[in-house]
Structure formats: structure tokens, C-alpha cells
Amino acid sequence: ALISFDVNYRPSLWPQPEEALTVIEAMLPQADLVKVNEEELKLLSGSKDLSEGSAHILARGPALCVVTLGADGSYFSSALGEGRIPPFSVETVDAVGCGDAFMAGTLCRLIRHDDWKKALAPDQMAANLRYANAVGALTALTYGVIPALPTAAAVGSFLQERTA
């Protein structure tokens, strides 16, 4: 099984950041894939540097660290390599749910393989996160998370339009 952990830190839900950090750090060794945004990366690693911060997370046990960068795309790091994936420029209507949609796209691509760990090679991860970036971008085009989630066919068409 692939165990994914989206940190999804919300300061208003915790009495103190230190308490959240203790709980989150206890979860890291249980996860294969950890997804953070830039603020969460800094919270967990003490660094804004994508490579350094991701290395800190990977040292806790996960095989893959993915960082969402909003309008700046995404980043991944694993023992096999790292990379930054450019965004798709879209007219954002509603950004709520874009991170969740991005993770759905990432997981969808990883589990297509008999062994998801074989999908961690940098060239494959670049393609996986390009797909996930497209899912997030398409989600931003519509109000409301559920109606905004694209189908695989819509993502395929979106990617094909941007490849031509």
C-alpha cells in the first residue's frame, strides 16, 4: 500500500505550533509520500529551501516529498532525484480544493504502476506532477470543490492542448 500524508497544517486548529509539529513529526515515519506547501515545509524543516527542507522530511522516513507552490507549480524529492515542475497559467476562479485535487492527480499517477516506487524516477515524477499540476489548474477554473474536480478525459485534453 502507498500511504500518503498531506500535512494540511491549519494554525487555528492547534493551541500552539509546537503541538502540531510534535504530532506531524510522529506521523512522518508512517508515510510513504508527504505533501506539504511552502509554509509547512518551513514549519517542519526550519528551511524555505526546497531541496534542504525536503531532505529533512525524507530523513524522517518517507520515500517521496512533494511541495505545492501554488501559482509557481510544484517540486518533488526522493532518493532517486528531485525536480521543480512549472505551473499551468489559468484564470483562477476559486483556489479552494486545488491542493487536494493536485494530490488526487499525484496519487492517481503513482498507483498506475504495479510498484509505485518505480514511478519515483525523476523523469516519471516530472510527468506525474505535470499531470497533478494540470488537475490543480483545472480545479481552479470553477467555483466549489466537487463540481470543479476534472475527469481524466478533461485532464488529458488540457495536457494535449498544452503540448501541441
Protein backbone atom coordinates (compact mmCIF):
# COMPACT_ATOMS: atom_id res chain seq x y z
CA ALA A 1 0.00 0.00 0.00
CA LEU A 2 1.01 3.58 -0.60
CA ILE A 3 0.46 5.71 2.48
CA SER A 4 0.08 9.39 1.71
CA PHE A 5 0.15 12.21 4.27
CA ASP A 6 -0.98 15.71 3.33
CA VAL A 7 0.18 17.80 6.30
CA ASN A 8 -2.60 20.37 5.77
CA TYR A 9 -1.49 22.46 8.77
CA ARG A 10 -4.11 24.95 9.93
CA PRO A 11 -2.78 27.14 12.80
CA SER A 12 -6.29 27.94 14.05
CA LEU A 13 -6.87 24.24 14.81
CA TRP A 14 -3.89 23.95 17.18
CA PRO A 15 -3.30 25.66 20.54
CA GLN A 16 0.40 26.05 19.70
CA PRO A 17 2.50 25.38 16.57
CA GLU A 18 4.82 23.21 18.67
CA GLU A 19 1.98 20.83 19.48
CA ALA A 20 1.13 20.46 15.79
CA LEU A 21 4.79 19.92 14.98
CA THR A 22 5.07 17.11 17.53
CA VAL A 23 2.05 15.30 16.11
CA ILE A 24 3.09 15.83 12.48
CA GLU A 25 6.65 14.64 13.10
CA ALA A 26 5.29 11.49 14.76
CA MET A 27 3.34 10.79 11.55
CA LEU A 28 6.22 11.24 9.09
CA PRO A 29 7.81 7.79 9.57
CA GLN A 30 4.41 6.20 8.89
CA ALA A 31 4.03 7.81 5.45
CA ASP A 32 5.48 6.88 2.06
CA LEU A 33 4.54 10.21 0.48
CA VAL A 34 4.39 13.50 2.33
CA LYS A 35 2.81 16.55 0.70
CA VAL A 36 3.47 20.00 2.11
CA ASN A 37 3.10 23.57 0.95
CA GLU A 38 5.87 26.14 1.39
CA GLU A 39 4.77 27.23 4.87
CA GLU A 40 4.53 23.63 6.06
CA LEU A 41 7.98 22.88 4.64
CA LYS A 42 9.40 25.75 6.71
CA LEU A 43 7.46 24.62 9.81
CA LEU A 44 8.77 21.04 9.56
CA SER A 45 12.32 21.70 8.43
CA GLY A 46 13.15 25.23 9.51
CA SER A 47 14.13 25.97 5.90
CA LYS A 48 12.45 27.65 2.95
CA ASP A 49 14.90 25.92 0.60
CA LEU A 50 13.00 23.23 -1.29
CA SER A 51 15.89 20.77 -1.52
CA GLU A 52 17.08 21.24 2.05
CA GLY A 53 13.58 21.19 3.53
CA SER A 54 12.57 18.10 1.56
CA ALA A 55 15.76 16.30 2.59
CA HIS A 56 14.82 16.97 6.21
CA ILE A 57 11.41 15.37 5.65
CA LEU A 58 12.83 12.40 3.70
CA ALA A 59 15.30 11.74 6.52
CA ARG A 60 12.27 11.01 8.75
CA GLY A 61 11.29 8.02 6.60
CA PRO A 62 9.06 8.92 3.64
CA ALA A 63 10.16 7.83 0.16
CA LEU A 64 8.76 10.95 -1.52
CA CYS A 65 8.26 14.57 -0.54
CA VAL A 66 6.09 16.78 -2.73
CA VAL A 67 5.84 20.53 -2.21
CA THR A 68 3.00 22.51 -3.75
CA LEU A 69 4.00 26.00 -4.76
CA GLY A 70 0.61 27.43 -5.78
CA ALA A 71 0.91 29.53 -8.92
CA ASP A 72 4.61 28.57 -9.10
CA GLY A 73 3.97 24.86 -9.75
CA SER A 74 5.33 22.02 -7.66
CA TYR A 75 8.50 20.29 -6.53
CA PHE A 76 9.40 16.70 -5.65
CA SER A 77 12.28 14.97 -3.93
CA SER A 78 13.12 11.30 -3.43
CA ALA A 79 16.26 9.20 -3.10
CA LEU A 80 16.27 8.99 -6.92
CA GLY A 81 16.31 12.73 -7.54
CA GLU A 82 14.40 15.95 -7.36
CA GLY A 83 12.80 18.45 -9.67
CA ARG A 84 10.67 21.54 -9.99
CA ILE A 85 7.64 21.32 -12.27
CA PRO A 86 6.34 24.52 -13.87
CA PRO A 87 2.73 25.59 -13.37
CA PHE A 88 -0.06 25.98 -15.88
CA SER A 89 -1.22 29.56 -16.11
CA VAL A 90 -5.00 29.77 -15.75
CA GLU A 91 -7.53 32.41 -14.70
CA THR A 92 -8.25 31.27 -11.16
CA VAL A 93 -11.88 31.49 -10.10
CA ASP A 94 -11.59 29.54 -6.83
CA ALA A 95 -8.42 28.03 -5.36
CA VAL A 96 -10.24 26.02 -2.67
CA GLY A 97 -9.51 22.33 -3.18
CA CYS A 98 -6.68 22.79 -5.66
CA GLY A 99 -4.16 21.16 -3.31
CA ASP A 100 -6.46 18.20 -2.73
CA ALA A 101 -7.05 17.89 -6.47
CA PHE A 102 -3.28 18.05 -7.03
CA MET A 103 -2.79 15.19 -4.56
CA ALA A 104 -5.52 13.15 -6.21
CA GLY A 105 -3.71 13.60 -9.53
CA THR A 106 -0.37 12.64 -7.98
CA LEU A 107 -1.77 9.51 -6.33
CA CYS A 108 -3.66 8.53 -9.47
CA ARG A 109 -0.42 8.62 -11.46
CA LEU A 110 1.64 6.77 -8.83
CA ILE A 111 -0.74 3.86 -8.38
CA ARG A 112 -0.95 3.17 -12.12
CA HIS A 113 2.24 1.15 -11.67
CA ASP A 114 2.44 -2.36 -10.21
CA ASP A 115 5.01 -0.96 -7.80
CA TRP A 116 4.51 2.76 -7.16
CA LYS A 117 8.16 3.12 -6.08
CA LYS A 118 9.21 2.53 -9.69
CA ALA A 119 7.41 5.77 -10.53
CA LEU A 120 9.82 7.83 -8.42
CA ALA A 121 12.46 8.20 -11.15
CA PRO A 122 12.88 11.92 -11.89
CA ASP A 123 11.56 11.70 -15.47
CA GLN A 124 8.47 9.82 -14.32
CA MET A 125 7.92 12.13 -11.36
CA ALA A 126 8.15 15.14 -13.68
CA ALA A 127 5.37 13.61 -15.81
CA ASN A 128 3.37 12.63 -12.71
CA LEU A 129 3.50 16.14 -11.27
CA ARG A 130 2.82 17.76 -14.64
CA TYR A 131 -0.40 15.75 -14.61
CA ALA A 132 -1.10 16.73 -10.98
CA ASN A 133 -0.43 20.41 -11.78
CA ALA A 134 -2.98 20.14 -14.59
CA VAL A 135 -5.57 18.65 -12.21
CA GLY A 136 -4.98 21.51 -9.78
CA ALA A 137 -5.14 24.13 -12.53
CA LEU A 138 -8.40 22.77 -13.92
CA THR A 139 -9.90 22.72 -10.43
CA ALA A 140 -9.12 26.43 -10.08
CA LEU A 141 -11.36 27.26 -13.05
CA THR A 142 -14.69 26.56 -11.30
CA TYR A 143 -16.32 27.56 -8.00
CA GLY A 144 -16.84 24.78 -5.50
CA VAL A 145 -14.51 21.88 -5.00
CA ILE A 146 -16.68 18.94 -6.04
CA PRO A 147 -18.06 20.44 -9.27
CA ALA A 148 -14.56 21.69 -10.13
CA LEU A 149 -12.80 18.32 -9.99
CA PRO A 150 -11.88 17.35 -13.55
CA THR A 151 -12.31 13.96 -15.18
CA ALA A 152 -9.30 12.06 -16.51
CA ALA A 153 -10.51 12.88 -20.03
CA ALA A 154 -10.59 16.62 -19.24
CA VAL A 155 -7.06 16.45 -17.84
CA GLY A 156 -5.89 14.55 -20.92
CA SER A 157 -7.40 17.16 -23.24
CA PHE A 158 -5.91 20.01 -21.19
CA LEU A 159 -2.45 18.45 -21.35
CA GLN A 160 -2.75 17.68 -25.05
CA GLU A 161 -3.67 21.32 -25.79
CA ARG A 162 -0.57 22.48 -23.93
CA THR A 163 1.76 20.01 -25.62
CA ALA A 164 0.86 20.97 -29.18
